[in-house]
Amino acid sequence: MSDAVSRTLFEQQVDLTSSLLQRMQGIESHLLTGVRPHLPGGTGYAIDDLIVALDAEEWIDPNLLFYVDAVLGEMRIAITAGTSEEQVAIPCDQLIGCTEAFDTRKVLSPAAEALQAALPPLEGLYSAAREALHFAEAIRLSFQLLHPD
C-alpha cells in the first residue's frame, strides 16, 4: 500500500516538475528582451538572480519562487511608476443634469505597457514553481512525520 501511494505522489511530483520545466523554457530570453529593456536604470538585479537560478543545471533552485517574485515586484513597481491618470471630458450628449463632467482613465507609458504585456509568462512560472516546490515540501514533511528517525 505504501509503495502505491509513494508512486502516485512521485508521479504527481514529476508532472508538476515537468510543467515547471516547460515554463522555464525561454524565460531567460524573455527577461533579457521583454523585461530588462523596459525597467528603469539601476534596477534589474532581481533579473540577474533569476537568470542564475534558471541556469542551475541538474536541479531546481529552491529559492526560485523568491527570485521570480522579486522580478514580478520590480516589474509592478515600474508599471505603477509608468502609469498616470488623465481626465477625459464626457461628451455633452451623455450628460444628465450638468453641462460638464470628466472621467478618469489610466494611461501607461510605452515601457509600462511593455512590462504589463510581459507579466503573464512570469506569473505562470511563479505559479508552476509554487505548485512544484510546495508539493515537494509537503511530501518531504509528510515522510518526516511518518518516519521521524
N, C-alpha and C. Protein backbone atom coordinates (compact mmCIF):
# COMPACT_ATOMS: atom_id res chain seq x y z
N MET A 1 0.83 -1.19 0.00
CA MET A 1 0.00 0.00 0.00
C MET A 1 0.87 1.25 0.00
N SER A 2 1.91 1.25 0.80
CA SER A 2 2.79 2.41 0.89
C SER A 2 3.46 2.69 -0.46
N ASP A 3 3.87 1.64 -1.18
CA ASP A 3 4.51 1.82 -2.48
C ASP A 3 3.55 2.44 -3.49
N ALA A 4 2.28 2.03 -3.45
CA ALA A 4 1.28 2.59 -4.37
C ALA A 4 1.08 4.07 -4.11
N VAL A 5 1.03 4.45 -2.84
CA VAL A 5 0.86 5.86 -2.50
C VAL A 5 2.10 6.65 -2.92
N SER A 6 3.28 6.11 -2.62
CA SER A 6 4.52 6.79 -2.98
C SER A 6 4.64 6.97 -4.48
N ARG A 7 4.26 5.92 -5.22
CA ARG A 7 4.33 6.02 -6.67
C ARG A 7 3.40 7.12 -7.17
N THR A 8 2.22 7.19 -6.63
CA THR A 8 1.27 8.21 -7.02
C THR A 8 1.80 9.60 -6.70
N LEU A 9 2.36 9.74 -5.52
CA LEU A 9 2.96 11.03 -5.15
C LEU A 9 4.11 11.37 -6.09
N PHE A 10 4.91 10.37 -6.39
CA PHE A 10 6.04 10.58 -7.28
C PHE A 10 5.57 11.01 -8.67
N GLU A 11 4.56 10.33 -9.17
CA GLU A 11 4.02 10.70 -10.48
C GLU A 11 3.46 12.11 -10.48
N GLN A 12 2.78 12.47 -9.41
CA GLN A 12 2.25 13.84 -9.31
C GLN A 12 3.39 14.85 -9.29
N GLN A 13 4.46 14.54 -8.54
CA GLN A 13 5.59 15.46 -8.47
C GLN A 13 6.28 15.58 -9.82
N VAL A 14 6.40 14.47 -10.53
CA VAL A 14 7.01 14.51 -11.86
C VAL A 14 6.19 15.39 -12.79
N ASP A 15 4.88 15.27 -12.74
CA ASP A 15 4.01 16.11 -13.57
C ASP A 15 4.19 17.59 -13.25
N LEU A 16 4.23 17.92 -11.96
CA LEU A 16 4.41 19.32 -11.55
C LEU A 16 5.78 19.84 -11.96
N THR A 17 6.79 19.01 -11.80
CA THR A 17 8.15 19.41 -12.17
C THR A 17 8.26 19.58 -13.68
N SER A 18 7.63 18.69 -14.41
CA SER A 18 7.63 18.80 -15.87
C SER A 18 6.98 20.11 -16.31
N SER A 19 5.87 20.44 -15.70
CA SER A 19 5.19 21.70 -16.01
C SER A 19 6.09 22.89 -15.70
N LEU A 20 6.78 22.82 -14.57
CA LEU A 20 7.70 23.90 -14.21
C LEU A 20 8.83 24.02 -15.22
N LEU A 21 9.41 22.90 -15.61
CA LEU A 21 10.49 22.93 -16.60
C LEU A 21 10.03 23.52 -17.93
N GLN A 22 8.81 23.19 -18.33
CA GLN A 22 8.26 23.76 -19.56
C GLN A 22 8.13 25.27 -19.44
N ARG A 23 7.66 25.74 -18.27
CA ARG A 23 7.51 27.20 -18.06
C ARG A 23 8.86 27.91 -18.03
N MET A 24 9.90 27.19 -17.62
CA MET A 24 11.23 27.79 -17.53
C MET A 24 11.84 28.01 -18.91
N GLN A 25 11.38 27.23 -19.91
CA GLN A 25 11.91 27.34 -21.26
C GLN A 25 11.65 28.74 -21.82
N GLY A 26 12.68 29.39 -22.28
CA GLY A 26 12.54 30.69 -22.93
C GLY A 26 12.42 31.87 -21.98
N ILE A 27 12.37 31.63 -20.67
CA ILE A 27 12.20 32.73 -19.72
C ILE A 27 13.42 33.64 -19.71
N GLU A 28 14.62 33.07 -19.82
CA GLU A 28 15.83 33.90 -19.82
C GLU A 28 15.79 34.90 -20.98
N SER A 29 15.45 34.43 -22.15
CA SER A 29 15.34 35.31 -23.32
C SER A 29 14.24 36.35 -23.10
N HIS A 30 13.13 35.92 -22.54
CA HIS A 30 12.01 36.82 -22.25
C HIS A 30 12.45 37.93 -21.28
N LEU A 31 13.22 37.55 -20.28
CA LEU A 31 13.71 38.54 -19.31
C LEU A 31 14.65 39.55 -19.97
N LEU A 32 15.52 39.05 -20.83
CA LEU A 32 16.53 39.91 -21.45
C LEU A 32 15.96 40.81 -22.54
N THR A 33 14.94 40.33 -23.25
CA THR A 33 14.41 41.14 -24.36
C THR A 33 13.08 41.82 -24.05
N GLY A 34 12.25 41.19 -23.21
CA GLY A 34 10.92 41.72 -22.97
C GLY A 34 10.75 42.45 -21.65
N VAL A 35 11.73 42.27 -20.74
CA VAL A 35 11.58 42.89 -19.42
C VAL A 35 12.69 43.90 -19.14
N ARG A 36 13.94 43.44 -19.15
CA ARG A 36 15.06 44.32 -18.74
C ARG A 36 15.10 45.65 -19.50
N PRO A 37 14.90 45.69 -20.82
CA PRO A 37 14.99 46.98 -21.52
C PRO A 37 13.95 48.00 -21.06
N HIS A 38 12.89 47.54 -20.41
CA HIS A 38 11.81 48.44 -20.03
C HIS A 38 11.83 48.81 -18.54
N LEU A 39 12.78 48.26 -17.81
CA LEU A 39 12.91 48.63 -16.40
C LEU A 39 13.78 49.86 -16.30
N PRO A 40 13.53 50.71 -15.29
CA PRO A 40 14.36 51.88 -15.12
C PRO A 40 15.80 51.50 -14.79
N GLY A 41 16.73 52.38 -15.13
CA GLY A 41 18.14 52.14 -14.83
C GLY A 41 18.36 51.94 -13.33
N GLY A 42 19.35 51.11 -13.01
CA GLY A 42 19.65 50.84 -11.61
C GLY A 42 18.85 49.69 -11.04
N THR A 43 17.88 49.18 -11.79
CA THR A 43 17.15 48.00 -11.33
C THR A 43 17.58 46.83 -12.20
N GLY A 44 17.09 45.70 -11.91
CA GLY A 44 17.42 44.54 -12.72
C GLY A 44 18.27 43.51 -12.01
N TYR A 45 18.63 43.80 -10.76
CA TYR A 45 19.42 42.81 -10.01
C TYR A 45 18.62 41.53 -9.79
N ALA A 46 17.33 41.68 -9.60
CA ALA A 46 16.48 40.50 -9.42
C ALA A 46 16.47 39.65 -10.68
N ILE A 47 16.54 40.29 -11.83
CA ILE A 47 16.60 39.55 -13.10
C ILE A 47 17.88 38.73 -13.16
N ASP A 48 19.00 39.35 -12.75
CA ASP A 48 20.27 38.62 -12.75
C ASP A 48 20.20 37.40 -11.83
N ASP A 49 19.62 37.57 -10.64
CA ASP A 49 19.49 36.45 -9.70
C ASP A 49 18.62 35.35 -10.28
N LEU A 50 17.53 35.74 -10.94
CA LEU A 50 16.63 34.74 -11.53
C LEU A 50 17.32 33.99 -12.67
N ILE A 51 18.07 34.70 -13.48
CA ILE A 51 18.78 34.05 -14.59
C ILE A 51 19.78 33.03 -14.05
N VAL A 52 20.50 33.38 -12.99
CA VAL A 52 21.45 32.44 -12.37
C VAL A 52 20.69 31.21 -11.85
N ALA A 53 19.54 31.43 -11.22
CA ALA A 53 18.74 30.30 -10.70
C ALA A 53 18.22 29.43 -11.83
N LEU A 54 17.87 30.04 -12.95
CA LEU A 54 17.37 29.27 -14.09
C LEU A 54 18.49 28.48 -14.78
N ASP A 55 19.72 28.99 -14.68
CA ASP A 55 20.85 28.33 -15.32
C ASP A 55 21.38 27.14 -14.53
N ALA A 56 20.89 26.95 -13.30
CA ALA A 56 21.37 25.83 -12.48
C ALA A 56 21.03 24.53 -13.19
N GLU A 57 22.06 23.79 -13.56
CA GLU A 57 21.85 22.54 -14.28
C GLU A 57 21.61 21.41 -13.29
N GLU A 58 20.78 20.45 -13.71
CA GLU A 58 20.54 19.24 -12.95
C GLU A 58 19.70 19.42 -11.70
N TRP A 59 19.22 20.61 -11.40
CA TRP A 59 18.38 20.80 -10.21
C TRP A 59 17.58 22.08 -10.36
N ILE A 60 16.59 22.21 -9.52
CA ILE A 60 15.76 23.42 -9.49
C ILE A 60 16.08 24.15 -8.20
N ASP A 61 16.50 25.38 -8.32
CA ASP A 61 16.87 26.19 -7.15
C ASP A 61 15.65 26.34 -6.24
N PRO A 62 15.76 25.96 -4.96
CA PRO A 62 14.62 26.09 -4.05
C PRO A 62 14.21 27.55 -3.81
N ASN A 63 15.09 28.47 -4.15
CA ASN A 63 14.78 29.90 -4.00
C ASN A 63 14.13 30.48 -5.25
N LEU A 64 13.79 29.64 -6.21
CA LEU A 64 13.21 30.10 -7.46
C LEU A 64 11.99 30.98 -7.24
N LEU A 65 11.12 30.59 -6.32
CA LEU A 65 9.93 31.39 -6.02
C LEU A 65 10.30 32.80 -5.60
N PHE A 66 11.28 32.90 -4.72
CA PHE A 66 11.73 34.20 -4.24
C PHE A 66 12.24 35.07 -5.40
N TYR A 67 13.03 34.48 -6.28
CA TYR A 67 13.60 35.23 -7.40
C TYR A 67 12.53 35.70 -8.38
N VAL A 68 11.60 34.81 -8.70
CA VAL A 68 10.53 35.19 -9.64
C VAL A 68 9.66 36.27 -9.01
N ASP A 69 9.35 36.12 -7.72
CA ASP A 69 8.54 37.12 -7.02
C ASP A 69 9.24 38.48 -7.00
N ALA A 70 10.55 38.48 -6.82
CA ALA A 70 11.31 39.74 -6.82
C ALA A 70 11.24 40.42 -8.18
N VAL A 71 11.35 39.64 -9.27
CA VAL A 71 11.25 40.21 -10.62
C VAL A 71 9.85 40.77 -10.84
N LEU A 72 8.83 40.00 -10.45
CA LEU A 72 7.45 40.47 -10.60
C LEU A 72 7.24 41.77 -9.81
N GLY A 73 7.83 41.84 -8.63
CA GLY A 73 7.73 43.06 -7.82
C GLY A 73 8.36 44.25 -8.51
N GLU A 74 9.56 44.06 -9.07
CA GLU A 74 10.22 45.15 -9.80
C GLU A 74 9.38 45.59 -11.00
N MET A 75 8.81 44.63 -11.69
CA MET A 75 8.00 44.96 -12.85
C MET A 75 6.76 45.75 -12.44
N ARG A 76 6.09 45.32 -11.38
CA ARG A 76 4.87 46.00 -10.95
C ARG A 76 5.17 47.41 -10.44
N ILE A 77 6.29 47.58 -9.77
CA ILE A 77 6.69 48.93 -9.33
C ILE A 77 6.91 49.82 -10.55
N ALA A 78 7.60 49.30 -11.56
CA ALA A 78 7.86 50.09 -12.77
C ALA A 78 6.56 50.38 -13.53
N ILE A 79 5.63 49.43 -13.54
CA ILE A 79 4.35 49.66 -14.21
C ILE A 79 3.58 50.77 -13.48
N THR A 80 3.58 50.71 -12.17
CA THR A 80 2.90 51.75 -11.38
C THR A 80 3.54 53.12 -11.62
N ALA A 81 4.87 53.14 -11.64
CA ALA A 81 5.58 54.41 -11.87
C ALA A 81 5.32 54.96 -13.27
N GLY A 82 5.09 54.06 -14.22
CA GLY A 82 4.84 54.49 -15.60
C GLY A 82 3.38 54.67 -15.93
N THR A 83 2.54 54.68 -14.91
CA THR A 83 1.10 54.84 -15.12
C THR A 83 0.67 56.20 -14.60
N SER A 84 -0.07 56.91 -15.42
CA SER A 84 -0.60 58.21 -14.99
C SER A 84 -2.11 58.21 -15.25
N GLU A 85 -2.76 59.17 -14.63
CA GLU A 85 -4.20 59.32 -14.84
C GLU A 85 -4.45 60.61 -15.58
N GLU A 86 -5.38 60.56 -16.49
CA GLU A 86 -5.76 61.78 -17.19
C GLU A 86 -7.28 61.89 -17.19
N GLN A 87 -7.72 63.12 -17.19
CA GLN A 87 -9.17 63.35 -17.22
C GLN A 87 -9.61 63.52 -18.66
N VAL A 88 -10.72 62.86 -18.95
CA VAL A 88 -11.28 62.90 -20.29
C VAL A 88 -12.71 63.44 -20.18
N ALA A 89 -13.00 64.46 -20.98
CA ALA A 89 -14.34 65.05 -20.94
C ALA A 89 -15.37 64.04 -21.45
N ILE A 90 -16.47 63.95 -20.72
CA ILE A 90 -17.59 63.11 -21.14
C ILE A 90 -18.39 63.91 -22.16
N PRO A 91 -18.72 63.29 -23.30
CA PRO A 91 -19.46 64.02 -24.33
C PRO A 91 -20.77 64.60 -23.77
N CYS A 92 -21.10 65.81 -24.22
CA CYS A 92 -22.28 66.52 -23.73
C CYS A 92 -23.57 65.73 -23.92
N ASP A 93 -23.68 64.96 -24.99
CA ASP A 93 -24.92 64.21 -25.23
C ASP A 93 -25.12 63.06 -24.24
N GLN A 94 -24.09 62.74 -23.44
CA GLN A 94 -24.20 61.68 -22.44
C GLN A 94 -24.41 62.23 -21.03
N LEU A 95 -24.42 63.56 -20.90
CA LEU A 95 -24.56 64.17 -19.58
C LEU A 95 -26.02 64.35 -19.22
N ILE A 96 -26.31 64.14 -17.95
CA ILE A 96 -27.66 64.35 -17.44
C ILE A 96 -27.55 65.28 -16.23
N GLY A 97 -28.16 66.43 -16.32
CA GLY A 97 -28.21 67.35 -15.20
C GLY A 97 -26.97 68.20 -14.98
N CYS A 98 -26.03 68.19 -15.91
CA CYS A 98 -24.87 69.06 -15.78
C CYS A 98 -24.36 69.41 -17.17
N THR A 99 -23.52 70.40 -17.22
CA THR A 99 -23.02 70.84 -18.51
C THR A 99 -21.60 70.33 -18.79
N GLU A 100 -20.94 69.86 -17.73
CA GLU A 100 -19.57 69.42 -17.92
C GLU A 100 -19.24 68.33 -16.88
N ALA A 101 -18.59 67.27 -17.33
CA ALA A 101 -18.14 66.21 -16.43
C ALA A 101 -16.94 65.51 -17.06
N PHE A 102 -16.17 64.92 -16.20
CA PHE A 102 -14.95 64.25 -16.67
C PHE A 102 -14.89 62.83 -16.13
N ASP A 103 -14.25 61.99 -16.90
CA ASP A 103 -13.97 60.63 -16.47
C ASP A 103 -12.46 60.52 -16.35
N THR A 104 -12.01 59.63 -15.52
CA THR A 104 -10.58 59.44 -15.34
C THR A 104 -10.19 58.10 -15.95
N ARG A 105 -9.10 58.11 -16.69
CA ARG A 105 -8.58 56.86 -17.24
C ARG A 105 -7.09 56.78 -16.99
N LYS A 106 -6.63 55.56 -16.88
CA LYS A 106 -5.20 55.34 -16.67
C LYS A 106 -4.49 55.23 -18.01
N VAL A 107 -3.33 55.84 -18.06
CA VAL A 107 -2.53 55.82 -19.28
C VAL A 107 -1.17 55.24 -18.91
N LEU A 108 -0.77 54.22 -19.64
CA LEU A 108 0.52 53.59 -19.40
C LEU A 108 1.55 54.12 -20.38
N SER A 109 2.75 54.37 -19.87
CA SER A 109 3.85 54.73 -20.75
C SER A 109 4.18 53.52 -21.62
N PRO A 110 4.91 53.72 -22.71
CA PRO A 110 5.28 52.56 -23.54
C PRO A 110 6.04 51.48 -22.75
N ALA A 111 6.92 51.90 -21.85
CA ALA A 111 7.67 50.93 -21.04
C ALA A 111 6.73 50.17 -20.11
N ALA A 112 5.81 50.88 -19.47
CA ALA A 112 4.86 50.24 -18.56
C ALA A 112 3.94 49.28 -19.34
N GLU A 113 3.58 49.67 -20.53
CA GLU A 113 2.74 48.82 -21.38
C GLU A 113 3.48 47.54 -21.76
N ALA A 114 4.76 47.68 -22.10
CA ALA A 114 5.57 46.50 -22.46
C ALA A 114 5.74 45.57 -21.25
N LEU A 115 5.95 46.16 -20.08
CA LEU A 115 6.09 45.34 -18.88
C LEU A 115 4.78 44.65 -18.53
N GLN A 116 3.67 45.34 -18.70
CA GLN A 116 2.35 44.75 -18.45
C GLN A 116 2.15 43.53 -19.36
N ALA A 117 2.55 43.66 -20.60
CA ALA A 117 2.41 42.56 -21.55
C ALA A 117 3.37 41.41 -21.23
N ALA A 118 4.48 41.72 -20.56
CA ALA A 118 5.50 40.71 -20.24
C ALA A 118 5.20 39.94 -18.95
N LEU A 119 4.18 40.36 -18.21
CA LEU A 119 3.86 39.71 -16.93
C LEU A 119 3.38 38.25 -17.04
N PRO A 120 2.46 37.90 -17.95
CA PRO A 120 1.87 36.55 -17.93
C PRO A 120 2.85 35.38 -17.91
N PRO A 121 3.91 35.36 -18.73
CA PRO A 121 4.82 34.20 -18.64
C PRO A 121 5.50 34.07 -17.28
N LEU A 122 5.82 35.19 -16.67
CA LEU A 122 6.46 35.15 -15.36
C LEU A 122 5.47 34.78 -14.25
N GLU A 123 4.23 35.23 -14.39
CA GLU A 123 3.20 34.82 -13.43
C GLU A 123 2.94 33.32 -13.55
N GLY A 124 2.96 32.80 -14.77
CA GLY A 124 2.80 31.36 -14.98
C GLY A 124 3.97 30.58 -14.40
N LEU A 125 5.18 31.10 -14.56
CA LEU A 125 6.36 30.47 -13.98
C LEU A 125 6.25 30.45 -12.46
N TYR A 126 5.82 31.56 -11.88
CA TYR A 126 5.67 31.64 -10.43
C TYR A 126 4.67 30.61 -9.93
N SER A 127 3.55 30.51 -10.61
CA SER A 127 2.51 29.56 -10.22
C SER A 127 3.01 28.12 -10.31
N ALA A 128 3.68 27.78 -11.40
CA ALA A 128 4.20 26.42 -11.58
C ALA A 128 5.28 26.11 -10.55
N ALA A 129 6.15 27.07 -10.27
CA ALA A 129 7.20 26.86 -9.26
C ALA A 129 6.58 26.68 -7.88
N ARG A 130 5.59 27.49 -7.57
CA ARG A 130 4.93 27.39 -6.26
C ARG A 130 4.30 26.01 -6.09
N GLU A 131 3.60 25.53 -7.11
CA GLU A 131 2.96 24.22 -7.02
C GLU A 131 3.99 23.10 -6.86
N ALA A 132 5.02 23.10 -7.69
CA ALA A 132 6.02 22.02 -7.65
C ALA A 132 6.81 22.03 -6.35
N LEU A 133 7.26 23.21 -5.94
CA LEU A 133 8.08 23.30 -4.73
C LEU A 133 7.27 23.04 -3.47
N HIS A 134 6.06 23.54 -3.41
CA HIS A 134 5.24 23.31 -2.22
C HIS A 134 4.81 21.84 -2.13
N PHE A 135 4.52 21.23 -3.25
CA PHE A 135 4.15 19.81 -3.23
C PHE A 135 5.33 18.96 -2.77
N ALA A 136 6.51 19.26 -3.28
CA ALA A 136 7.71 18.53 -2.86
C ALA A 136 7.96 18.71 -1.36
N GLU A 137 7.78 19.91 -0.88
CA GLU A 137 7.97 20.18 0.55
C GLU A 137 6.92 19.45 1.38
N ALA A 138 5.70 19.38 0.90
CA ALA A 138 4.65 18.65 1.62
C ALA A 138 4.99 17.16 1.70
N ILE A 139 5.51 16.61 0.61
CA ILE A 139 5.91 15.20 0.63
C ILE A 139 7.05 15.00 1.62
N ARG A 140 8.04 15.87 1.57
CA ARG A 140 9.20 15.75 2.47
C ARG A 140 8.76 15.80 3.92
N LEU A 141 7.91 16.78 4.26
CA LEU A 141 7.45 16.92 5.64
C LEU A 141 6.57 15.73 6.06
N SER A 142 5.77 15.23 5.14
CA SER A 142 4.92 14.08 5.46
C SER A 142 5.77 12.85 5.78
N PHE A 143 6.78 12.59 4.97
CA PHE A 143 7.67 11.46 5.26
C PHE A 143 8.40 11.66 6.57
N GLN A 144 8.77 12.89 6.85
CA GLN A 144 9.45 13.19 8.11
C GLN A 144 8.53 12.92 9.30
N LEU A 145 7.25 13.25 9.15
CA LEU A 145 6.30 12.97 10.23
C LEU A 145 6.07 11.48 10.41
N LEU A 146 6.02 10.74 9.30
CA LEU A 146 5.77 9.31 9.37
C LEU A 146 7.00 8.52 9.83
N HIS A 147 8.16 9.03 9.49
CA HIS A 147 9.43 8.36 9.83
C HIS A 147 10.37 9.37 10.47
N PRO A 148 10.16 9.71 11.74
CA PRO A 148 10.94 10.77 12.38
C PRO A 148 12.42 10.44 12.59
N ASP A 149 12.80 9.18 12.50
CA ASP A 149 14.20 8.81 12.72
C ASP A 149 14.97 8.98 11.48
